[in-house]
């Protein structure tokens, strides 16, 4: 009876350790995804800004000729 209770506690502790590891891995992947999303957003903003400057330059050329 006592051994059964001890085994049950060990299994419960091992399960908790495994759940904690899985949660940490999930958080790590989530943070990596957020970082990648942020990099992509910055890249897209940079491209939009370059396109806007290019269009302004073209408008300036057409309006001054």
Protein backbone atom coordinates (compact mmCIF):
# COMPACT_ATOMS: atom_id res chain seq x y z
CA UNK A 1 0.00 0.00 0.00
CA UNK A 2 2.74 2.45 0.95
CA UNK A 3 4.80 1.52 -2.11
CA UNK A 4 1.76 2.13 -4.31
CA UNK A 5 1.30 5.61 -2.85
CA UNK A 6 4.99 6.39 -3.34
CA UNK A 7 4.83 5.18 -6.95
CA UNK A 8 1.75 7.31 -7.53
CA UNK A 9 3.54 10.40 -6.18
CA UNK A 10 6.58 9.70 -8.39
CA UNK A 11 4.40 9.33 -11.47
CA UNK A 12 2.63 12.57 -10.59
CA UNK A 13 5.95 14.39 -10.15
CA UNK A 14 7.31 13.03 -13.42
CA UNK A 15 4.14 14.11 -15.21
CA UNK A 16 4.48 17.60 -13.72
CA UNK A 17 8.12 17.82 -14.84
CA UNK A 18 7.13 16.75 -18.36
CA UNK A 19 4.28 19.27 -18.47
CA UNK A 20 6.63 22.04 -17.34
CA UNK A 21 9.13 21.11 -20.06
CA UNK A 22 6.40 21.13 -22.68
CA UNK A 23 5.15 24.51 -21.49
CA UNK A 24 8.66 25.98 -21.60
CA UNK A 25 9.15 24.64 -25.13
CA UNK A 26 5.80 26.08 -26.19
CA UNK A 27 6.68 29.48 -24.73
CA UNK A 28 10.06 29.40 -26.47
CA UNK A 29 8.46 28.61 -29.85
CA UNK A 30 5.84 31.29 -29.30
CA UNK A 31 8.48 33.92 -28.53
CA UNK A 32 10.43 32.86 -31.62
CA UNK A 33 7.29 33.22 -33.71
CA UNK A 34 6.59 36.68 -32.27
CA UNK A 35 10.17 37.73 -33.02
CA UNK A 36 9.88 36.45 -36.60
CA UNK A 37 6.53 38.21 -37.04
CA UNK A 38 8.11 41.43 -35.79
CA UNK A 39 11.02 41.09 -38.25
CA UNK A 40 8.59 40.52 -41.11
CA UNK A 41 6.51 43.52 -40.09
CA UNK A 42 9.60 45.74 -39.98
CA UNK A 43 10.67 44.45 -43.39
CA UNK A 44 7.22 45.17 -44.82
CA UNK A 45 7.21 48.67 -43.33
CA UNK A 46 10.61 49.31 -44.85
CA UNK A 47 9.39 48.14 -48.27
CA UNK A 48 6.26 50.33 -48.03
CA UNK A 49 8.38 53.33 -47.08
CA UNK A 50 10.76 52.71 -50.01
CA UNK A 51 7.83 52.38 -52.40
CA UNK A 52 6.29 55.58 -51.04
CA UNK A 53 9.57 57.46 -51.51
CA UNK A 54 9.88 56.07 -55.02
CA UNK A 55 6.36 57.25 -55.90
CA UNK A 56 7.03 60.70 -54.44
CA UNK A 57 10.19 60.91 -56.52
CA UNK A 58 8.27 59.99 -59.67
CA UNK A 59 5.54 62.52 -58.91
CA UNK A 60 8.19 65.16 -58.31
CA UNK A 61 9.82 64.36 -61.65
CA UNK A 62 6.49 64.58 -63.51
CA UNK A 63 5.36 67.77 -61.85
CA UNK A 64 8.65 69.61 -62.46
CA UNK A 65 8.92 68.86 -66.15
